Amino acid sequence: IIRWRTDQAVTGRVLYGNSPTALSSSVATNTTTTEHQIALTGLSLDTRYYYAIGTSTGILSGGDSDHFFVTAPLAGTSKAVRMWVLGDSGRPGPSVRQVRDSYYAYTGSRHTDLWMMLGDNAYYSGTDAEYQAGVFDIFPDMLRKSVLWPTIGNHDAVSASSVHQTGPYYDIFTLPKEAEAGGVSSGTEAYYSFDYANIHFICLNSESISSIGS
């Protein structure tokens, strides 16, 4: 699933392919909105795809070597996996930028297969503006190419309801409540699981869901 936002309501379209100069496939919607969410299906496993986002009349971003994603391998596959795990990263400023730059320098050209945020992703109240400042403005390069798997923290929960799955946290992320990425269906985006290679991940909500079925 590829998501993006526009400042005006337009129809959305994703073009994709195995080369940034040959985006031979596309998926479009007929819905006019500012919040775009398009699912790509029929993709090959463990494969790099390049993409561009736009409208029926043109490309807004992408179509270059910086806009790509790599699909997950077959569940159970034994392979080296590069994960970037961030906790309590939601304060925009020099410290988080130093952490970001240190990781970029360390990983170099090695692709980040999984990117995880462990909560308190946006200080202090998890508002939309705080997510813009603490996530989108800080990590634009990584957001273009690696899937971000988030966890809700107490600061994120100030502006979000896990019981009703509403608020900025739930508006920004699309999470696999029906086991779309493997694992077991939770029936809610408040907690979820997924598979990558031979690893099974479980994301728990210890902030605002007291028990399964609440």
N, C-alpha and C. Protein backbone atom coordinates (compact mmCIF):
# COMPACT_ATOMS: atom_id res chain seq x y z
N ILE A 1 0.85 -1.18 0.00
CA ILE A 1 0.00 0.00 0.00
C ILE A 1 0.89 1.23 0.00
N ILE A 2 0.61 2.14 -0.92
CA ILE A 2 1.33 3.40 -1.00
C ILE A 2 0.37 4.52 -0.62
N ARG A 3 0.80 5.37 0.31
CA ARG A 3 -0.04 6.46 0.80
C ARG A 3 0.66 7.80 0.60
N TRP A 4 -0.12 8.81 0.30
CA TRP A 4 0.40 10.16 0.26
C TRP A 4 -0.74 11.15 0.41
N ARG A 5 -0.39 12.40 0.59
CA ARG A 5 -1.37 13.46 0.81
C ARG A 5 -1.12 14.59 -0.20
N THR A 6 -2.21 15.17 -0.67
CA THR A 6 -2.11 16.34 -1.55
C THR A 6 -2.82 17.52 -0.90
N ASP A 7 -2.44 18.73 -1.30
CA ASP A 7 -3.06 19.91 -0.70
C ASP A 7 -4.41 20.23 -1.32
N GLN A 8 -4.71 19.61 -2.46
CA GLN A 8 -6.02 19.75 -3.08
C GLN A 8 -6.59 18.38 -3.37
N ALA A 9 -7.90 18.28 -3.40
CA ALA A 9 -8.55 17.01 -3.68
C ALA A 9 -8.42 16.66 -5.15
N VAL A 10 -7.78 15.53 -5.43
CA VAL A 10 -7.58 15.05 -6.80
C VAL A 10 -7.72 13.54 -6.80
N THR A 11 -7.81 12.94 -7.98
CA THR A 11 -7.76 11.49 -8.09
C THR A 11 -6.30 11.05 -7.99
N GLY A 12 -6.07 9.85 -7.49
CA GLY A 12 -4.72 9.36 -7.30
C GLY A 12 -4.35 8.25 -8.27
N ARG A 13 -3.05 8.18 -8.56
CA ARG A 13 -2.55 7.12 -9.44
C ARG A 13 -1.12 6.77 -9.03
N VAL A 14 -0.81 5.47 -9.07
CA VAL A 14 0.55 4.98 -8.84
C VAL A 14 1.01 4.27 -10.10
N LEU A 15 2.17 4.64 -10.59
CA LEU A 15 2.83 3.93 -11.69
C LEU A 15 4.01 3.17 -11.10
N TYR A 16 4.26 1.95 -11.57
CA TYR A 16 5.35 1.17 -11.01
C TYR A 16 5.90 0.18 -12.03
N GLY A 17 7.13 -0.25 -11.77
CA GLY A 17 7.79 -1.19 -12.67
C GLY A 17 9.16 -1.55 -12.14
N ASN A 18 9.90 -2.33 -12.88
CA ASN A 18 11.20 -2.82 -12.45
C ASN A 18 12.35 -1.88 -12.76
N SER A 19 12.03 -0.74 -13.37
CA SER A 19 13.04 0.26 -13.67
C SER A 19 12.42 1.64 -13.50
N PRO A 20 13.16 2.60 -12.98
CA PRO A 20 12.58 3.94 -12.81
C PRO A 20 12.22 4.60 -14.13
N THR A 21 12.78 4.10 -15.21
CA THR A 21 12.48 4.66 -16.53
C THR A 21 11.47 3.82 -17.30
N ALA A 22 10.96 2.77 -16.66
CA ALA A 22 9.98 1.89 -17.32
C ALA A 22 8.91 1.51 -16.32
N LEU A 23 8.09 2.48 -15.94
CA LEU A 23 6.98 2.23 -15.01
C LEU A 23 5.78 1.77 -15.83
N SER A 24 5.78 0.49 -16.15
CA SER A 24 4.85 -0.04 -17.14
C SER A 24 3.48 -0.42 -16.58
N SER A 25 3.35 -0.45 -15.24
CA SER A 25 2.07 -0.80 -14.64
C SER A 25 1.53 0.39 -13.86
N SER A 26 0.22 0.44 -13.70
CA SER A 26 -0.36 1.55 -12.95
C SER A 26 -1.67 1.13 -12.31
N VAL A 27 -1.99 1.80 -11.21
CA VAL A 27 -3.27 1.62 -10.53
C VAL A 27 -3.80 3.01 -10.22
N ALA A 28 -5.06 3.26 -10.52
CA ALA A 28 -5.66 4.57 -10.29
C ALA A 28 -7.00 4.40 -9.57
N THR A 29 -7.43 5.48 -8.96
CA THR A 29 -8.74 5.50 -8.31
C THR A 29 -9.61 6.55 -8.99
N ASN A 30 -10.90 6.40 -8.81
CA ASN A 30 -11.84 7.38 -9.33
C ASN A 30 -12.29 8.37 -8.26
N THR A 31 -11.81 8.14 -7.03
CA THR A 31 -12.22 8.97 -5.91
C THR A 31 -11.36 10.22 -5.82
N THR A 32 -11.98 11.35 -5.63
CA THR A 32 -11.27 12.61 -5.45
C THR A 32 -11.07 12.86 -3.96
N THR A 33 -9.81 12.99 -3.54
CA THR A 33 -9.50 13.13 -2.12
C THR A 33 -8.14 13.79 -1.95
N THR A 34 -7.85 14.18 -0.72
CA THR A 34 -6.49 14.66 -0.40
C THR A 34 -5.68 13.57 0.28
N GLU A 35 -6.34 12.50 0.75
CA GLU A 35 -5.67 11.40 1.44
C GLU A 35 -5.69 10.17 0.52
N HIS A 36 -4.56 9.87 -0.07
CA HIS A 36 -4.49 8.84 -1.09
C HIS A 36 -3.91 7.54 -0.53
N GLN A 37 -4.55 6.45 -0.88
CA GLN A 37 -4.15 5.12 -0.39
C GLN A 37 -4.43 4.12 -1.50
N ILE A 38 -3.37 3.60 -2.11
CA ILE A 38 -3.54 2.69 -3.25
C ILE A 38 -2.77 1.40 -2.98
N ALA A 39 -3.46 0.29 -3.14
CA ALA A 39 -2.85 -1.03 -2.95
C ALA A 39 -2.38 -1.58 -4.30
N LEU A 40 -1.17 -2.11 -4.31
CA LEU A 40 -0.63 -2.78 -5.49
C LEU A 40 -0.69 -4.28 -5.25
N THR A 41 -1.23 -5.02 -6.19
CA THR A 41 -1.40 -6.46 -6.03
C THR A 41 -0.66 -7.21 -7.15
N GLY A 42 -0.50 -8.52 -6.95
CA GLY A 42 0.14 -9.34 -7.96
C GLY A 42 1.64 -9.12 -8.08
N LEU A 43 2.27 -8.60 -7.04
CA LEU A 43 3.69 -8.33 -7.08
C LEU A 43 4.50 -9.60 -6.83
N SER A 44 5.69 -9.67 -7.37
CA SER A 44 6.59 -10.81 -7.14
C SER A 44 7.25 -10.67 -5.78
N LEU A 45 7.61 -11.81 -5.20
CA LEU A 45 8.27 -11.82 -3.90
C LEU A 45 9.70 -11.33 -4.01
N ASP A 46 10.18 -10.68 -2.95
CA ASP A 46 11.58 -10.29 -2.81
C ASP A 46 12.10 -9.59 -4.08
N THR A 47 11.36 -8.60 -4.52
CA THR A 47 11.65 -7.92 -5.79
C THR A 47 11.62 -6.40 -5.59
N ARG A 48 12.54 -5.71 -6.22
CA ARG A 48 12.56 -4.25 -6.15
C ARG A 48 11.68 -3.67 -7.25
N TYR A 49 10.79 -2.77 -6.84
CA TYR A 49 9.94 -2.04 -7.77
C TYR A 49 10.17 -0.55 -7.59
N TYR A 50 10.22 0.16 -8.70
CA TYR A 50 10.28 1.61 -8.67
C TYR A 50 8.88 2.16 -8.93
N TYR A 51 8.61 3.36 -8.42
CA TYR A 51 7.24 3.86 -8.54
C TYR A 51 7.23 5.39 -8.63
N ALA A 52 6.06 5.88 -9.01
CA ALA A 52 5.78 7.31 -9.01
C ALA A 52 4.34 7.50 -8.58
N ILE A 53 4.06 8.59 -7.92
CA ILE A 53 2.69 8.91 -7.52
C ILE A 53 2.24 10.15 -8.26
N GLY A 54 0.92 10.23 -8.49
CA GLY A 54 0.42 11.40 -9.19
C GLY A 54 -1.07 11.34 -9.38
N THR A 55 -1.53 11.92 -10.47
CA THR A 55 -2.94 11.98 -10.81
C THR A 55 -3.12 11.42 -12.22
N SER A 56 -4.31 11.49 -12.72
CA SER A 56 -4.57 11.01 -14.08
C SER A 56 -3.89 11.88 -15.14
N THR A 57 -3.45 13.05 -14.74
CA THR A 57 -2.87 13.97 -15.71
C THR A 57 -1.36 14.16 -15.58
N GLY A 58 -0.75 13.62 -14.52
CA GLY A 58 0.68 13.81 -14.40
C GLY A 58 1.27 13.21 -13.14
N ILE A 59 2.60 13.23 -13.05
CA ILE A 59 3.35 12.70 -11.90
C ILE A 59 3.67 13.83 -10.93
N LEU A 60 3.42 13.57 -9.66
CA LEU A 60 3.74 14.54 -8.62
C LEU A 60 5.10 14.27 -7.97
N SER A 61 5.46 12.99 -7.86
CA SER A 61 6.73 12.64 -7.23
C SER A 61 7.11 11.23 -7.65
N GLY A 62 8.41 10.99 -7.79
CA GLY A 62 8.88 9.65 -8.12
C GLY A 62 9.33 9.53 -9.56
N GLY A 63 9.43 8.27 -10.00
CA GLY A 63 9.95 8.00 -11.32
C GLY A 63 11.44 8.18 -11.38
N ASP A 64 12.11 7.96 -10.23
CA ASP A 64 13.57 8.07 -10.17
C ASP A 64 14.12 6.97 -9.27
N SER A 65 15.42 6.94 -9.08
CA SER A 65 16.06 5.86 -8.33
C SER A 65 15.82 5.95 -6.83
N ASP A 66 15.27 7.08 -6.34
CA ASP A 66 15.04 7.24 -4.91
C ASP A 66 13.67 6.72 -4.47
N HIS A 67 12.77 6.51 -5.40
CA HIS A 67 11.42 6.05 -5.07
C HIS A 67 11.30 4.57 -5.44
N PHE A 68 11.43 3.71 -4.46
CA PHE A 68 11.31 2.27 -4.72
C PHE A 68 10.90 1.56 -3.44
N PHE A 69 10.50 0.32 -3.58
CA PHE A 69 10.26 -0.55 -2.44
C PHE A 69 10.68 -1.95 -2.84
N VAL A 70 10.97 -2.77 -1.83
CA VAL A 70 11.35 -4.16 -2.06
C VAL A 70 10.33 -5.03 -1.35
N THR A 71 9.67 -5.90 -2.09
CA THR A 71 8.65 -6.76 -1.49
C THR A 71 9.27 -7.79 -0.57
N ALA A 72 8.48 -8.27 0.36
CA ALA A 72 8.95 -9.25 1.35
C ALA A 72 9.26 -10.59 0.68
N PRO A 73 10.20 -11.34 1.24
CA PRO A 73 10.45 -12.69 0.73
C PRO A 73 9.36 -13.64 1.18
N LEU A 74 9.39 -14.85 0.67
CA LEU A 74 8.44 -15.88 1.10
C LEU A 74 8.59 -16.09 2.60
N ALA A 75 7.48 -16.13 3.31
CA ALA A 75 7.52 -16.35 4.76
C ALA A 75 8.24 -17.66 5.07
N GLY A 76 9.16 -17.61 6.03
CA GLY A 76 9.95 -18.77 6.40
C GLY A 76 11.32 -18.80 5.77
N THR A 77 11.56 -17.90 4.80
CA THR A 77 12.86 -17.84 4.14
C THR A 77 13.94 -17.41 5.14
N SER A 78 15.06 -18.11 5.11
CA SER A 78 16.19 -17.75 5.96
C SER A 78 17.11 -16.81 5.20
N LYS A 79 17.25 -15.58 5.68
CA LYS A 79 18.10 -14.60 5.01
C LYS A 79 18.48 -13.51 6.01
N ALA A 80 19.55 -12.80 5.69
CA ALA A 80 19.93 -11.65 6.51
C ALA A 80 18.89 -10.55 6.36
N VAL A 81 18.51 -9.94 7.46
CA VAL A 81 17.48 -8.90 7.46
C VAL A 81 18.04 -7.66 8.15
N ARG A 82 17.97 -6.53 7.50
CA ARG A 82 18.41 -5.27 8.10
C ARG A 82 17.19 -4.54 8.65
N MET A 83 17.17 -4.33 9.97
CA MET A 83 16.07 -3.63 10.63
C MET A 83 16.60 -2.34 11.26
N TRP A 84 15.82 -1.30 11.16
CA TRP A 84 16.10 -0.06 11.88
C TRP A 84 14.99 0.14 12.89
N VAL A 85 15.33 0.15 14.17
CA VAL A 85 14.35 0.21 15.24
C VAL A 85 14.56 1.50 16.03
N LEU A 86 13.53 2.33 16.08
CA LEU A 86 13.59 3.62 16.77
C LEU A 86 12.54 3.66 17.87
N GLY A 87 12.94 4.11 19.05
CA GLY A 87 11.99 4.29 20.14
C GLY A 87 12.04 5.71 20.65
N ASP A 88 10.87 6.29 20.92
CA ASP A 88 10.80 7.62 21.52
C ASP A 88 11.50 8.66 20.65
N SER A 89 11.26 8.58 19.36
CA SER A 89 11.99 9.43 18.41
C SER A 89 11.23 10.69 18.00
N GLY A 90 10.11 10.96 18.63
CA GLY A 90 9.20 11.96 18.10
C GLY A 90 9.49 13.41 18.41
N ARG A 91 10.65 13.72 18.97
CA ARG A 91 11.00 15.13 19.21
C ARG A 91 11.89 15.63 18.06
N PRO A 92 11.36 16.43 17.16
CA PRO A 92 12.22 16.93 16.07
C PRO A 92 13.29 17.85 16.62
N GLY A 93 14.49 17.71 16.12
CA GLY A 93 15.58 18.54 16.60
C GLY A 93 16.92 17.91 16.31
N PRO A 94 18.01 18.49 16.81
CA PRO A 94 19.36 18.00 16.50
C PRO A 94 19.59 16.56 16.91
N SER A 95 19.08 16.12 18.05
CA SER A 95 19.37 14.76 18.54
C SER A 95 18.83 13.70 17.60
N VAL A 96 17.56 13.83 17.20
CA VAL A 96 16.98 12.81 16.32
C VAL A 96 17.62 12.87 14.94
N ARG A 97 18.01 14.05 14.51
CA ARG A 97 18.70 14.15 13.22
C ARG A 97 20.07 13.50 13.27
N GLN A 98 20.75 13.60 14.41
CA GLN A 98 22.04 12.93 14.56
C GLN A 98 21.88 11.41 14.55
N VAL A 99 20.84 10.92 15.23
CA VAL A 99 20.56 9.48 15.21
C VAL A 99 20.28 9.03 13.78
N ARG A 100 19.44 9.78 13.08
CA ARG A 100 19.12 9.46 11.68
C ARG A 100 20.38 9.42 10.82
N ASP A 101 21.18 10.45 10.90
CA ASP A 101 22.36 10.54 10.05
C ASP A 101 23.38 9.46 10.39
N SER A 102 23.48 9.09 11.67
CA SER A 102 24.40 8.02 12.07
C SER A 102 23.96 6.69 11.49
N TYR A 103 22.64 6.45 11.50
CA TYR A 103 22.16 5.20 10.90
C TYR A 103 22.39 5.19 9.40
N TYR A 104 22.10 6.30 8.73
CA TYR A 104 22.31 6.36 7.29
C TYR A 104 23.78 6.10 6.94
N ALA A 105 24.68 6.66 7.74
CA ALA A 105 26.10 6.44 7.49
C ALA A 105 26.49 4.99 7.73
N TYR A 106 25.89 4.38 8.75
CA TYR A 106 26.21 2.99 9.07
C TYR A 106 25.70 2.03 8.00
N THR A 107 24.44 2.19 7.61
CA THR A 107 23.86 1.21 6.68
C THR A 107 24.33 1.43 5.25
N GLY A 108 24.71 2.66 4.91
CA GLY A 108 25.23 2.93 3.58
C GLY A 108 24.26 2.53 2.49
N SER A 109 24.73 1.73 1.55
CA SER A 109 23.89 1.30 0.43
C SER A 109 23.07 0.05 0.75
N ARG A 110 23.24 -0.49 1.95
CA ARG A 110 22.46 -1.67 2.35
C ARG A 110 21.02 -1.26 2.58
N HIS A 111 20.09 -1.90 1.87
CA HIS A 111 18.68 -1.54 1.98
C HIS A 111 18.14 -1.90 3.36
N THR A 112 17.29 -1.02 3.89
CA THR A 112 16.62 -1.27 5.17
C THR A 112 15.34 -2.04 4.90
N ASP A 113 15.34 -3.33 5.27
CA ASP A 113 14.19 -4.19 4.97
C ASP A 113 12.98 -3.84 5.82
N LEU A 114 13.24 -3.53 7.09
CA LEU A 114 12.17 -3.23 8.03
C LEU A 114 12.53 -2.00 8.83
N TRP A 115 11.57 -1.12 9.00
CA TRP A 115 11.74 0.09 9.80
C TRP A 115 10.63 0.10 10.84
N MET A 116 11.00 0.14 12.12
CA MET A 116 10.02 0.03 13.19
C MET A 116 10.14 1.22 14.13
N MET A 117 8.98 1.77 14.50
CA MET A 117 8.92 2.80 15.54
C MET A 117 8.17 2.23 16.74
N LEU A 118 8.78 2.34 17.91
CA LEU A 118 8.29 1.65 19.10
C LEU A 118 7.35 2.48 19.96
N GLY A 119 6.94 3.64 19.47
CA GLY A 119 6.01 4.47 20.23
C GLY A 119 6.57 5.83 20.56
N ASP A 120 5.67 6.76 20.91
CA ASP A 120 6.02 8.16 21.10
C ASP A 120 6.73 8.67 19.84
N ASN A 121 6.05 8.45 18.75
CA ASN A 121 6.57 8.81 17.43
C ASN A 121 6.42 10.30 17.15
N ALA A 122 5.50 10.97 17.88
CA ALA A 122 5.23 12.39 17.64
C ALA A 122 4.90 13.08 18.96
N TYR A 123 5.80 13.94 19.39
CA TYR A 123 5.62 14.68 20.65
C TYR A 123 4.94 16.02 20.38
N TYR A 124 4.07 16.46 21.35
CA TYR A 124 3.84 15.81 22.64
C TYR A 124 2.49 15.11 22.68
N SER A 125 1.69 15.36 21.70
CA SER A 125 0.31 14.87 21.75
C SER A 125 -0.11 14.06 20.54
N GLY A 126 0.83 13.69 19.67
CA GLY A 126 0.50 12.87 18.52
C GLY A 126 -0.44 13.53 17.53
N THR A 127 -0.36 14.85 17.42
CA THR A 127 -1.22 15.55 16.47
C THR A 127 -0.70 15.38 15.05
N ASP A 128 -1.52 15.72 14.09
CA ASP A 128 -1.11 15.63 12.69
C ASP A 128 0.11 16.53 12.43
N ALA A 129 0.08 17.74 12.97
CA ALA A 129 1.20 18.66 12.78
C ALA A 129 2.47 18.13 13.41
N GLU A 130 2.35 17.44 14.55
CA GLU A 130 3.53 16.87 15.21
C GLU A 130 4.07 15.68 14.44
N TYR A 131 3.21 14.91 13.81
CA TYR A 131 3.68 13.83 12.94
C TYR A 131 4.41 14.40 11.73
N GLN A 132 3.91 15.52 11.22
CA GLN A 132 4.59 16.15 10.09
C GLN A 132 6.00 16.58 10.49
N ALA A 133 6.10 17.24 11.66
CA ALA A 133 7.39 17.75 12.11
C ALA A 133 8.33 16.65 12.58
N GLY A 134 7.78 15.62 13.25
CA GLY A 134 8.62 14.61 13.88
C GLY A 134 8.89 13.37 13.06
N VAL A 135 8.10 13.16 12.00
CA VAL A 135 8.28 11.97 11.16
C VAL A 135 8.52 12.36 9.71
N PHE A 136 7.55 13.00 9.09
CA PHE A 136 7.65 13.25 7.65
C PHE A 136 8.75 14.24 7.28
N ASP A 137 8.95 15.27 8.12
CA ASP A 137 10.01 16.23 7.82
C ASP A 137 11.39 15.70 8.18
N ILE A 138 11.47 14.70 9.06
CA ILE A 138 12.75 14.17 9.51
C ILE A 138 13.23 13.01 8.65
N PHE A 139 12.31 12.16 8.19
CA PHE A 139 12.69 10.92 7.51
C PHE A 139 12.15 10.79 6.09
N PRO A 140 12.15 11.84 5.29
CA PRO A 140 11.55 11.74 3.95
C PRO A 140 12.23 10.70 3.06
N ASP A 141 13.54 10.58 3.14
CA ASP A 141 14.25 9.64 2.28
C ASP A 141 13.87 8.20 2.60
N MET A 142 13.82 7.86 3.88
CA MET A 142 13.50 6.48 4.26
C MET A 142 12.04 6.16 3.98
N LEU A 143 11.17 7.14 4.15
CA LEU A 143 9.75 6.91 3.91
C LEU A 143 9.46 6.56 2.45
N ARG A 144 10.32 6.99 1.53
CA ARG A 144 10.11 6.70 0.12
C ARG A 144 10.40 5.25 -0.24
N LYS A 145 11.19 4.55 0.60
CA LYS A 145 11.70 3.25 0.15
C LYS A 145 11.59 2.11 1.14
N SER A 146 11.25 2.37 2.40
CA SER A 146 11.15 1.28 3.38
C SER A 146 9.82 1.37 4.12
N VAL A 147 9.20 0.23 4.33
CA VAL A 147 7.93 0.19 5.04
C VAL A 147 8.15 0.54 6.50
N LEU A 148 7.33 1.45 7.03
CA LEU A 148 7.39 1.84 8.43
C LEU A 148 6.29 1.11 9.20
N TRP A 149 6.71 0.30 10.18
CA TRP A 149 5.79 -0.43 11.05
C TRP A 149 5.75 0.28 12.40
N PRO A 150 4.65 0.97 12.75
CA PRO A 150 4.61 1.76 13.97
C PRO A 150 3.95 1.03 15.14
N THR A 151 4.26 1.52 16.33
CA THR A 151 3.58 1.14 17.57
C THR A 151 3.06 2.42 18.21
N ILE A 152 1.89 2.36 18.80
CA ILE A 152 1.34 3.54 19.44
C ILE A 152 1.92 3.68 20.85
N GLY A 153 2.31 4.91 21.21
CA GLY A 153 2.81 5.19 22.54
C GLY A 153 1.86 6.13 23.27
N ASN A 154 2.20 6.48 24.52
CA ASN A 154 1.28 7.32 25.29
C ASN A 154 1.13 8.72 24.69
N HIS A 155 2.19 9.25 24.08
CA HIS A 155 2.06 10.57 23.46
C HIS A 155 1.23 10.50 22.19
N ASP A 156 1.42 9.45 21.39
CA ASP A 156 0.61 9.28 20.18
C ASP A 156 -0.87 9.13 20.53
N ALA A 157 -1.12 8.49 21.69
CA ALA A 157 -2.50 8.18 22.07
C ALA A 157 -3.28 9.38 22.58
N VAL A 158 -2.59 10.49 22.87
CA VAL A 158 -3.30 11.68 23.34
C VAL A 158 -4.33 12.14 22.30
N SER A 159 -3.95 12.03 21.02
CA SER A 159 -4.83 12.51 19.94
C SER A 159 -5.47 11.37 19.15
N ALA A 160 -5.37 10.14 19.66
CA ALA A 160 -5.91 8.99 18.93
C ALA A 160 -6.67 8.07 19.87
N SER A 161 -7.71 7.45 19.36
CA SER A 161 -8.50 6.48 20.11
C SER A 161 -8.27 5.09 19.54
N SER A 162 -7.67 4.22 20.33
CA SER A 162 -7.44 2.85 19.87
C SER A 162 -8.74 2.04 19.87
N VAL A 163 -9.65 2.38 20.75
CA VAL A 163 -10.94 1.67 20.79
C VAL A 163 -11.70 1.91 19.49
N HIS A 164 -11.68 3.16 19.02
CA HIS A 164 -12.42 3.51 17.80
C HIS A 164 -11.52 3.57 16.57
N GLN A 165 -10.19 3.43 16.76
CA GLN A 165 -9.22 3.49 15.66
C GLN A 165 -9.38 4.78 14.87
N THR A 166 -9.37 5.89 15.60
CA THR A 166 -9.49 7.20 14.99
C THR A 166 -8.35 8.09 15.50
N GLY A 167 -8.14 9.20 14.83
CA GLY A 167 -7.09 10.12 15.21
C GLY A 167 -5.91 10.03 14.28
N PRO A 168 -4.93 10.93 14.40
CA PRO A 168 -3.81 10.99 13.46
C PRO A 168 -3.05 9.69 13.30
N TYR A 169 -2.75 8.98 14.38
CA TYR A 169 -2.00 7.72 14.27
C TYR A 169 -2.72 6.76 13.32
N TYR A 170 -4.02 6.63 13.47
CA TYR A 170 -4.77 5.69 12.64
C TYR A 170 -5.10 6.27 11.26
N ASP A 171 -5.10 7.59 11.14
CA ASP A 171 -5.32 8.20 9.83
C ASP A 171 -4.08 8.12 8.94
N ILE A 172 -2.90 8.13 9.56
CA ILE A 172 -1.65 8.17 8.81
C ILE A 172 -1.20 6.79 8.35
N PHE A 173 -1.37 5.77 9.21
CA PHE A 173 -0.85 4.44 8.90
C PHE A 173 -1.95 3.47 8.47
N THR A 174 -1.60 2.56 7.58
CA THR A 174 -2.48 1.45 7.21
C THR A 174 -1.84 0.18 7.76
N LEU A 175 -2.49 -0.45 8.72
CA LEU A 175 -1.89 -1.57 9.45
C LEU A 175 -2.67 -2.86 9.19
N PRO A 176 -2.00 -4.02 9.21
CA PRO A 176 -2.60 -5.28 8.74
C PRO A 176 -3.49 -5.96 9.77
N LYS A 177 -4.71 -5.45 9.93
CA LYS A 177 -5.60 -6.03 10.93
C LYS A 177 -6.19 -7.37 10.49
N GLU A 178 -6.12 -7.68 9.21
CA GLU A 178 -6.66 -8.95 8.71
C GLU A 178 -5.54 -9.87 8.23
N ALA A 179 -4.36 -9.75 8.83
CA ALA A 179 -3.22 -10.61 8.50
C ALA A 179 -2.81 -10.49 7.04
N GLU A 180 -2.94 -9.30 6.47
CA GLU A 180 -2.58 -9.08 5.08
C GLU A 180 -1.08 -9.29 4.83
N ALA A 181 -0.27 -9.19 5.88
CA ALA A 181 1.17 -9.40 5.74
C ALA A 181 1.62 -10.65 6.49
N GLY A 182 0.73 -11.60 6.60
CA GLY A 182 1.04 -12.83 7.33
C GLY A 182 0.67 -12.70 8.79
N GLY A 183 0.97 -13.73 9.55
CA GLY A 183 0.61 -13.70 10.97
C GLY A 183 -0.83 -14.08 11.19
N VAL A 184 -1.43 -13.50 12.22
CA VAL A 184 -2.80 -13.83 12.62
C VAL A 184 -3.63 -12.55 12.62
N SER A 185 -4.84 -12.65 12.14
CA SER A 185 -5.72 -11.50 12.11
C SER A 185 -6.05 -11.02 13.51
N SER A 186 -5.94 -9.71 13.74
CA SER A 186 -6.32 -9.13 15.03
C SER A 186 -7.70 -8.49 14.97
N GLY A 187 -8.14 -8.14 13.77
CA GLY A 187 -9.42 -7.48 13.62
C GLY A 187 -9.40 -6.01 13.98
N THR A 188 -8.22 -5.48 14.31
CA THR A 188 -8.08 -4.08 14.68
C THR A 188 -6.69 -3.60 14.33
N GLU A 189 -6.57 -2.31 14.01
CA GLU A 189 -5.26 -1.73 13.75
C GLU A 189 -4.54 -1.34 15.05
N ALA A 190 -5.22 -1.49 16.18
CA ALA A 190 -4.62 -1.12 17.46
C ALA A 190 -3.47 -2.05 17.84
N TYR A 191 -3.50 -3.29 17.38
CA TYR A 191 -2.39 -4.23 17.55
C TYR A 191 -2.46 -5.20 16.37
N TYR A 192 -1.31 -5.74 15.98
CA TYR A 192 -1.27 -6.53 14.76
C TYR A 192 -0.02 -7.40 14.75
N SER A 193 0.05 -8.30 13.77
CA SER A 193 1.25 -9.12 13.59
C SER A 193 1.54 -9.23 12.09
N PHE A 194 2.78 -9.59 11.79
CA PHE A 194 3.15 -9.79 10.39
C PHE A 194 4.39 -10.67 10.32
N ASP A 195 4.65 -11.21 9.14
CA ASP A 195 5.81 -12.06 8.91
C ASP A 195 6.77 -11.36 7.96
N TYR A 196 8.06 -11.55 8.21
CA TYR A 196 9.07 -11.14 7.24
C TYR A 196 10.18 -12.17 7.28
N ALA A 197 10.44 -12.81 6.14
CA ALA A 197 11.42 -13.90 6.07
C ALA A 197 11.05 -14.95 7.12
N ASN A 198 12.00 -15.32 8.00
CA ASN A 198 11.69 -16.33 9.01
C ASN A 198 11.45 -15.70 10.39
N ILE A 199 10.99 -14.42 10.39
CA ILE A 199 10.70 -13.71 11.64
C ILE A 199 9.20 -13.42 11.71
N HIS A 200 8.62 -13.67 12.88
CA HIS A 200 7.23 -13.32 13.12
C HIS A 200 7.20 -12.16 14.12
N PHE A 201 6.59 -11.05 13.73
CA PHE A 201 6.53 -9.85 14.56
C PHE A 201 5.13 -9.70 15.15
N ILE A 202 5.07 -9.30 16.41
CA ILE A 202 3.81 -9.01 17.08
C ILE A 202 3.91 -7.61 17.66
N CYS A 203 3.02 -6.72 17.24
CA CYS A 203 2.97 -5.37 17.75
C CYS A 203 1.84 -5.28 18.78
N LEU A 204 2.20 -5.08 20.04
CA LEU A 204 1.22 -5.00 21.12
C LEU A 204 0.88 -3.55 21.43
N ASN A 205 -0.33 -3.34 21.90
CA ASN A 205 -0.78 -2.02 22.34
C ASN A 205 -0.89 -2.06 23.86
N SER A 206 0.11 -1.58 24.54
CA SER A 206 0.11 -1.58 26.00
C SER A 206 -0.33 -0.25 26.58
N GLU A 207 -0.73 0.67 25.72
CA GLU A 207 -1.09 2.01 26.17
C GLU A 207 -2.59 2.20 26.35
N SER A 208 -3.39 1.74 25.38
CA SER A 208 -4.79 2.11 25.42
C SER A 208 -5.75 0.96 25.14
N ILE A 209 -5.22 -0.27 25.09
CA ILE A 209 -6.07 -1.46 24.96
C ILE A 209 -5.74 -2.37 26.14
N SER A 210 -6.67 -2.53 27.06
CA SER A 210 -6.35 -3.26 28.29
C SER A 210 -6.34 -4.76 28.09
N SER A 211 -7.13 -5.26 27.13
CA SER A 211 -7.17 -6.69 26.89
C SER A 211 -7.74 -6.94 25.50
N ILE A 212 -7.45 -8.12 24.95
CA ILE A 212 -7.98 -8.47 23.63
C ILE A 212 -9.51 -8.47 23.71
N GLY A 213 -10.11 -7.82 22.74
CA GLY A 213 -11.57 -7.75 22.70
C GLY A 213 -12.14 -6.50 23.34
N SER A 214 -11.28 -5.64 23.91
CA SER A 214 -11.78 -4.40 24.53
C SER A 214 -12.33 -3.47 23.45
